[in-house]
Amino acid sequence: MKRNIEKVMPNGIEMFWSVPSFVDGEGNERVFSYYFVHSVTGDIWSCRSNRYLVPSVATGGYMYVGLLDDSGKQLTTGQHRFVLASSLGAWEFEETGHKDRVRYNNKPNNLFPTTRKEQFDNELREAARDSKIGKRSNSAEFSDDEVRGIRNEYKSWVGKSRLYIREVAARTGVTEQTIYCIVDGRTYKDII
């Protein structure tokens, strides 16, 4: 027997969007009439519990929430997907992009519809831009003289190599892997 739940609407309802329904892969309509998304913050209000949902942080930094549809079946997915669908009024998008690339920033003005290919291409461009490995890269972090200095300093280091790598990485603001690749000759191969 289905329980009859009193709907407690959020204060300032005009600042909220309803979560749109959709048809799942099995042909069932999923309706979420007990949930509303705040149009500024992206927080999700539950009329079932009379409070905002508290998302869980998943691997990769995305915030996840679980909503019960009107039939009582749960849908757990990224909060950003519920927010974007609510702002668009439909689930007519493949992926959700974050303008600032911060995966937990689910404010509606930070989200946009995208495709898997566009997401992948953006991630590749960002990785290439942020890469700090290799002399020939436009974003190479060290000059030839700095690489020579790191390698010479490493040769004369007394103690565990890991401590040297950690200290230089902290001092120069790059990852330990970057310094390891320099001293091991995996990057800046043309510098002797």
C-alpha atoms as a PDB file:
ATOM      1  CA  MET A   1       0.000   0.000   0.000  1.00  0.00           C
ATOM      2  CA  LYS A   2       1.376   3.387  -0.990  1.00  0.00           C
ATOM      3  CA  ARG A   3       1.815   5.891   1.808  1.00  0.00           C
ATOM      4  CA  ASN A   4       0.169   9.277   1.349  1.00  0.00           C
ATOM      5  CA  ILE A   5       2.815  11.940   1.982  1.00  0.00           C
ATOM      6  CA  GLU A   6       1.911  15.545   2.697  1.00  0.00           C
ATOM      7  CA  LYS A   7       3.827  17.857   0.408  1.00  0.00           C
ATOM      8  CA  VAL A   8       5.678  20.572   2.308  1.00  0.00           C
ATOM      9  CA  MET A   9       6.630  23.173  -0.261  1.00  0.00           C
ATOM     10  CA  PRO A  10       9.812  25.209   0.188  1.00  0.00           C
ATOM     11  CA  ASN A  11       9.645  28.856   1.232  1.00  0.00           C
ATOM     12  CA  GLY A  12       9.989  31.201  -1.738  1.00  0.00           C
ATOM     13  CA  ILE A  13       8.685  28.586  -4.192  1.00  0.00           C
ATOM     14  CA  GLU A  14       9.117  31.095  -7.047  1.00  0.00           C
ATOM     15  CA  MET A  15      12.905  30.596  -6.678  1.00  0.00           C
ATOM     16  CA  PHE A  16      12.582  26.855  -7.396  1.00  0.00           C
ATOM     17  CA  TRP A  17      12.258  24.656 -10.465  1.00  0.00           C
ATOM     18  CA  SER A  18      10.492  21.321 -10.468  1.00  0.00           C
ATOM     19  CA  VAL A  19      12.495  18.232 -11.424  1.00  0.00           C
ATOM     20  CA  PRO A  20      11.234  17.122 -14.848  1.00  0.00           C
ATOM     21  CA  SER A  21      10.033  13.606 -15.506  1.00  0.00           C
ATOM     22  CA  PHE A  22      11.572  11.313 -18.091  1.00  0.00           C
ATOM     23  CA  VAL A  23      11.032   7.861 -19.606  1.00  0.00           C
ATOM     24  CA  ASP A  24      13.693   5.357 -18.527  1.00  0.00           C
ATOM     25  CA  GLY A  25      15.261   2.633 -20.673  1.00  0.00           C
ATOM     26  CA  GLU A  26      12.486   0.201 -19.722  1.00  0.00           C
ATOM     27  CA  GLY A  27       9.754   2.556 -20.939  1.00  0.00           C
ATOM     28  CA  ASN A  28       8.637   3.647 -17.448  1.00  0.00           C
ATOM     29  CA  GLU A  29       7.864   7.299 -16.807  1.00  0.00           C
ATOM     30  CA  ARG A  30       9.864   8.562 -13.834  1.00  0.00           C
ATOM     31  CA  VAL A  31       8.073  11.459 -12.106  1.00  0.00           C
ATOM     32  CA  PHE A  32       9.700  13.449  -9.262  1.00  0.00           C
ATOM     33  CA  SER A  33       6.877  15.675  -8.012  1.00  0.00           C
ATOM     34  CA  TYR A  34       8.247  15.788  -4.433  1.00  0.00           C
ATOM     35  CA  TYR A  35      11.510  17.566  -5.340  1.00  0.00           C
ATOM     36  CA  PHE A  36      12.450  21.108  -6.328  1.00  0.00           C
ATOM     37  CA  VAL A  37      15.792  22.626  -7.352  1.00  0.00           C
ATOM     38  CA  HIS A  38      16.773  26.083  -6.105  1.00  0.00           C
ATOM     39  CA  SER A  39      17.336  28.262  -9.181  1.00  0.00           C
ATOM     40  CA  VAL A  40      20.368  30.055  -7.705  1.00  0.00           C
ATOM     41  CA  THR A  41      22.175  27.556  -5.469  1.00  0.00           C
ATOM     42  CA  GLY A  42      21.268  24.269  -7.167  1.00  0.00           C
ATOM     43  CA  ASP A  43      20.291  22.760  -3.815  1.00  0.00           C
ATOM     44  CA  ILE A  44      17.526  20.154  -4.004  1.00  0.00           C
ATOM     45  CA  TRP A  45      14.506  20.489  -1.700  1.00  0.00           C
ATOM     46  CA  SER A  46      12.633  17.367  -0.662  1.00  0.00           C
ATOM     47  CA  CYS A  47       8.935  17.795   0.088  1.00  0.00           C
ATOM     48  CA  ARG A  48       9.075  14.296   1.589  1.00  0.00           C
ATOM     49  CA  SER A  49      11.517  15.239   4.357  1.00  0.00           C
ATOM     50  CA  ASN A  50      10.889  18.999   4.444  1.00  0.00           C
ATOM     51  CA  ARG A  51      14.595  19.782   4.010  1.00  0.00           C
ATOM     52  CA  TYR A  52      17.374  20.135   1.485  1.00  0.00           C
ATOM     53  CA  LEU A  53      19.030  16.908   0.433  1.00  0.00           C
ATOM     54  CA  VAL A  54      22.617  16.400   1.571  1.00  0.00           C
ATOM     55  CA  PRO A  55      24.628  15.072  -1.372  1.00  0.00           C
ATOM     56  CA  SER A  56      27.366  12.479  -1.072  1.00  0.00           C
ATOM     57  CA  VAL A  57      30.781  13.115  -2.567  1.00  0.00           C
ATOM     58  CA  ALA A  58      31.769  10.441  -5.065  1.00  0.00           C
ATOM     59  CA  THR A  59      35.125   9.581  -6.576  1.00  0.00           C
ATOM     60  CA  GLY A  60      36.151  12.375  -8.890  1.00  0.00           C
ATOM     61  CA  GLY A  61      34.555  15.098  -6.790  1.00  0.00           C
ATOM     62  CA  TYR A  62      31.002  14.884  -8.127  1.00  0.00           C
ATOM     63  CA  MET A  63      28.109  15.344  -5.685  1.00  0.00           C
ATOM     64  CA  TYR A  64      25.501  12.566  -5.814  1.00  0.00           C
ATOM     65  CA  VAL A  65      21.909  12.512  -4.559  1.00  0.00           C
ATOM     66  CA  GLY A  66      19.179   9.881  -4.555  1.00  0.00           C
ATOM     67  CA  LEU A  67      15.602  10.892  -5.335  1.00  0.00           C
ATOM     68  CA  LEU A  68      12.551   8.662  -5.039  1.00  0.00           C
ATOM     69  CA  ASP A  69      10.190   8.950  -7.952  1.00  0.00           C
ATOM     70  CA  ASP A  70       6.440   9.008  -7.323  1.00  0.00           C
ATOM     71  CA  SER A  71       6.294   5.202  -7.597  1.00  0.00           C
ATOM     72  CA  GLY A  72       8.915   4.864  -4.828  1.00  0.00           C
ATOM     73  CA  LYS A  73      11.797   3.785  -7.094  1.00  0.00           C
ATOM     74  CA  GLN A  74      15.103   5.526  -6.328  1.00  0.00           C
ATOM     75  CA  LEU A  75      17.289   7.286  -8.893  1.00  0.00           C
ATOM     76  CA  THR A  76      20.799   8.106  -7.715  1.00  0.00           C
ATOM     77  CA  THR A  77      22.872  10.283 -10.002  1.00  0.00           C
ATOM     78  CA  GLY A  78      24.999  13.399  -9.986  1.00  0.00           C
ATOM     79  CA  GLN A  79      23.325  16.438  -8.471  1.00  0.00           C
ATOM     80  CA  HIS A  80      24.529  18.417 -11.494  1.00  0.00           C
ATOM     81  CA  ARG A  81      22.302  16.300 -13.755  1.00  0.00           C
ATOM     82  CA  PHE A  82      19.160  17.040 -11.699  1.00  0.00           C
ATOM     83  CA  VAL A  83      20.061  20.750 -11.612  1.00  0.00           C
ATOM     84  CA  LEU A  84      20.672  21.010 -15.363  1.00  0.00           C
ATOM     85  CA  ALA A  85      17.518  19.031 -16.230  1.00  0.00           C
ATOM     86  CA  SER A  86      15.478  21.280 -13.930  1.00  0.00           C
ATOM     87  CA  SER A  87      16.935  24.464 -15.409  1.00  0.00           C
ATOM     88  CA  LEU A  88      16.254  23.239 -18.965  1.00  0.00           C
ATOM     89  CA  GLY A  89      12.864  21.746 -18.073  1.00  0.00           C
ATOM     90  CA  ALA A  90      13.804  18.410 -19.675  1.00  0.00           C
ATOM     91  CA  TRP A  91      16.455  15.688 -19.661  1.00  0.00           C
ATOM     92  CA  GLU A  92      17.450  16.480 -23.249  1.00  0.00           C
ATOM     93  CA  PHE A  93      21.232  16.405 -22.866  1.00  0.00           C
ATOM     94  CA  GLU A  94      23.911  13.749 -22.946  1.00  0.00           C
ATOM     95  CA  GLU A  95      26.387  15.133 -20.405  1.00  0.00           C
ATOM     96  CA  THR A  96      26.652  18.073 -18.016  1.00  0.00           C
ATOM     97  CA  GLY A  97      29.617  20.437 -18.200  1.00  0.00           C
ATOM     98  CA  HIS A  98      30.899  22.701 -15.422  1.00  0.00           C
ATOM     99  CA  LYS A  99      32.056  26.091 -16.743  1.00  0.00           C
ATOM    100  CA  ASP A 100      34.605  26.523 -13.954  1.00  0.00           C
ATOM    101  CA  ARG A 101      35.652  22.814 -14.155  1.00  0.00           C
ATOM    102  CA  VAL A 102      34.852  22.428 -10.418  1.00  0.00           C
ATOM    103  CA  ARG A 103      32.819  19.234 -10.202  1.00  0.00           C
ATOM    104  CA  TYR A 104      31.097  20.071  -6.923  1.00  0.00           C
ATOM    105  CA  ASN A 105      29.940  23.537  -8.043  1.00  0.00           C
ATOM    106  CA  ASN A 106      26.381  22.698  -9.065  1.00  0.00           C
ATOM    107  CA  LYS A 107      24.984  26.204  -9.290  1.00  0.00           C
ATOM    108  CA  PRO A 108      22.752  26.425 -12.369  1.00  0.00           C
ATOM    109  CA  ASN A 109      24.747  29.319 -13.880  1.00  0.00           C
ATOM    110  CA  ASN A 110      27.852  27.076 -13.823  1.00  0.00           C
ATOM    111  CA  LEU A 111      26.303  24.157 -15.737  1.00  0.00           C
ATOM    112  CA  PHE A 112      25.770  23.609 -19.443  1.00  0.00           C
ATOM    113  CA  PRO A 113      24.646  20.737 -21.684  1.00  0.00           C
ATOM    114  CA  THR A 114      27.396  18.983 -23.609  1.00  0.00           C
ATOM    115  CA  THR A 115      28.256  15.666 -25.245  1.00  0.00           C
ATOM    116  CA  ARG A 116      30.715  12.955 -24.229  1.00  0.00           C
ATOM    117  CA  LYS A 117      32.962  13.881 -27.146  1.00  0.00           C
ATOM    118  CA  GLU A 118      33.000  17.578 -26.179  1.00  0.00           C
ATOM    119  CA  GLN A 119      33.745  16.628 -22.540  1.00  0.00           C
ATOM    120  CA  PHE A 120      36.592  14.362 -23.654  1.00  0.00           C
ATOM    121  CA  ASP A 121      38.029  17.001 -26.000  1.00  0.00           C
ATOM    122  CA  ASN A 122      37.857  19.657 -23.249  1.00  0.00           C
ATOM    123  CA  GLU A 123      39.602  17.355 -20.774  1.00  0.00           C
ATOM    124  CA  LEU A 124      42.368  16.639 -23.311  1.00  0.00           C
ATOM    125  CA  ARG A 125      42.849  20.353 -24.009  1.00  0.00           C
ATOM    126  CA  GLU A 126      42.936  21.112 -20.289  1.00  0.00           C
ATOM    127  CA  ALA A 127      45.415  18.317 -19.588  1.00  0.00           C
ATOM    128  CA  ALA A 128      47.681  19.539 -22.377  1.00  0.00           C
ATOM    129  CA  ARG A 129      47.457  23.122 -21.136  1.00  0.00           C
ATOM    130  CA  ASP A 130      48.182  22.151 -17.542  1.00  0.00           C
ATOM    131  CA  SER A 131      50.967  19.716 -18.398  1.00  0.00           C
ATOM    132  CA  LYS A 132      54.236  20.610 -16.714  1.00  0.00           C
ATOM    133  CA  ILE A 133      56.272  17.778 -18.172  1.00  0.00           C
ATOM    134  CA  GLY A 134      58.596  18.150 -21.130  1.00  0.00           C
ATOM    135  CA  LYS A 135      60.746  20.882 -22.586  1.00  0.00           C
ATOM    136  CA  ARG A 136      58.976  21.108 -25.917  1.00  0.00           C
ATOM    137  CA  SER A 137      55.592  21.714 -24.335  1.00  0.00           C
ATOM    138  CA  ASN A 138      54.393  25.339 -24.476  1.00  0.00           C
ATOM    139  CA  SER A 139      53.695  25.070 -20.778  1.00  0.00           C
ATOM    140  CA  ALA A 140      57.091  23.601 -19.818  1.00  0.00           C
ATOM    141  CA  GLU A 141      57.829  24.564 -16.246  1.00  0.00           C
ATOM    142  CA  PHE A 142      61.637  24.626 -16.255  1.00  0.00           C
ATOM    143  CA  SER A 143      64.345  26.215 -18.344  1.00  0.00           C
ATOM    144  CA  ASP A 144      67.330  24.181 -19.547  1.00  0.00           C
ATOM    145  CA  ASP A 145      69.521  25.674 -16.800  1.00  0.00           C
ATOM    146  CA  GLU A 146      66.946  24.845 -14.119  1.00  0.00           C
ATOM    147  CA  VAL A 147      66.796  21.219 -15.303  1.00  0.00           C
ATOM    148  CA  ARG A 148      70.605  20.987 -15.209  1.00  0.00           C
ATOM    149  CA  GLY A 149      70.578  22.490 -11.725  1.00  0.00           C
ATOM    150  CA  ILE A 150      68.000  19.976 -10.475  1.00  0.00           C
ATOM    151  CA  ARG A 151      69.953  17.064 -11.928  1.00  0.00           C
ATOM    152  CA  ASN A 152      73.304  18.290 -10.555  1.00  0.00           C
ATOM    153  CA  GLU A 153      71.790  18.933  -7.148  1.00  0.00           C
ATOM    154  CA  TYR A 154      70.304  15.441  -7.210  1.00  0.00           C
ATOM    155  CA  LYS A 155      73.687  13.851  -8.011  1.00  0.00           C
ATOM    156  CA  SER A 156      75.246  15.486  -4.967  1.00  0.00           C
ATOM    157  CA  TRP A 157      72.260  14.795  -2.663  1.00  0.00           C
ATOM    158  CA  VAL A 158      73.110  12.776   0.436  1.00  0.00           C
ATOM    159  CA  GLY A 159      70.126  10.843   1.712  1.00  0.00           C
ATOM    160  CA  LYS A 160      67.026   9.231   0.323  1.00  0.00           C
ATOM    161  CA  SER A 161      66.197  10.295  -3.212  1.00  0.00           C
ATOM    162  CA  ARG A 162      62.503  10.434  -2.340  1.00  0.00           C
ATOM    163  CA  LEU A 163      63.170  13.207   0.191  1.00  0.00           C
ATOM    164  CA  TYR A 164      65.081  15.227  -2.409  1.00  0.00           C
ATOM    165  CA  ILE A 165      62.283  14.818  -4.951  1.00  0.00           C
ATOM    166  CA  ARG A 166      59.660  15.823  -2.370  1.00  0.00           C
ATOM    167  CA  GLU A 167      61.652  18.893  -1.276  1.00  0.00           C
ATOM    168  CA  VAL A 168      62.272  20.138  -4.843  1.00  0.00           C
ATOM    169  CA  ALA A 169      58.644  19.535  -5.835  1.00  0.00           C
ATOM    170  CA  ALA A 170      57.441  21.590  -2.858  1.00  0.00           C
ATOM    171  CA  ARG A 171      59.960  24.343  -3.568  1.00  0.00           C
ATOM    172  CA  THR A 172      59.126  24.614  -7.283  1.00  0.00           C
ATOM    173  CA  GLY A 173      55.363  24.047  -7.044  1.00  0.00           C
ATOM    174  CA  VAL A 174      55.165  20.978  -9.296  1.00  0.00           C
ATOM    175  CA  THR A 175      54.328  17.348  -8.586  1.00  0.00           C
ATOM    176  CA  GLU A 176      56.843  14.854  -7.243  1.00  0.00           C
ATOM    177  CA  GLN A 177      56.298  12.852 -10.440  1.00  0.00           C
ATOM    178  CA  THR A 178      57.512  15.810 -12.504  1.00  0.00           C
ATOM    179  CA  ILE A 179      60.756  16.040 -10.521  1.00  0.00           C
ATOM    180  CA  TYR A 180      61.233  12.273 -10.608  1.00  0.00           C
ATOM    181  CA  CYS A 181      60.895  12.298 -14.409  1.00  0.00           C
ATOM    182  CA  ILE A 182      63.478  15.097 -14.650  1.00  0.00           C
ATOM    183  CA  VAL A 183      66.110  13.392 -12.454  1.00  0.00           C
ATOM    184  CA  ASP A 184      65.437  10.005 -14.072  1.00  0.00           C
ATOM    185  CA  GLY A 185      65.854  11.477 -17.570  1.00  0.00           C
ATOM    186  CA  ARG A 186      62.337  10.640 -18.717  1.00  0.00           C
ATOM    187  CA  THR A 187      61.650  14.261 -19.606  1.00  0.00           C
ATOM    188  CA  TYR A 188      63.925  17.003 -20.918  1.00  0.00           C
ATOM    189  CA  LYS A 189      65.856  14.195 -22.621  1.00  0.00           C
ATOM    190  CA  ASP A 190      67.778  16.607 -24.812  1.00  0.00           C
ATOM    191  CA  ILE A 191      69.384  18.361 -21.830  1.00  0.00           C
ATOM    192  CA  ILE A 192      72.668  16.940 -20.585  1.00  0.00           C
END
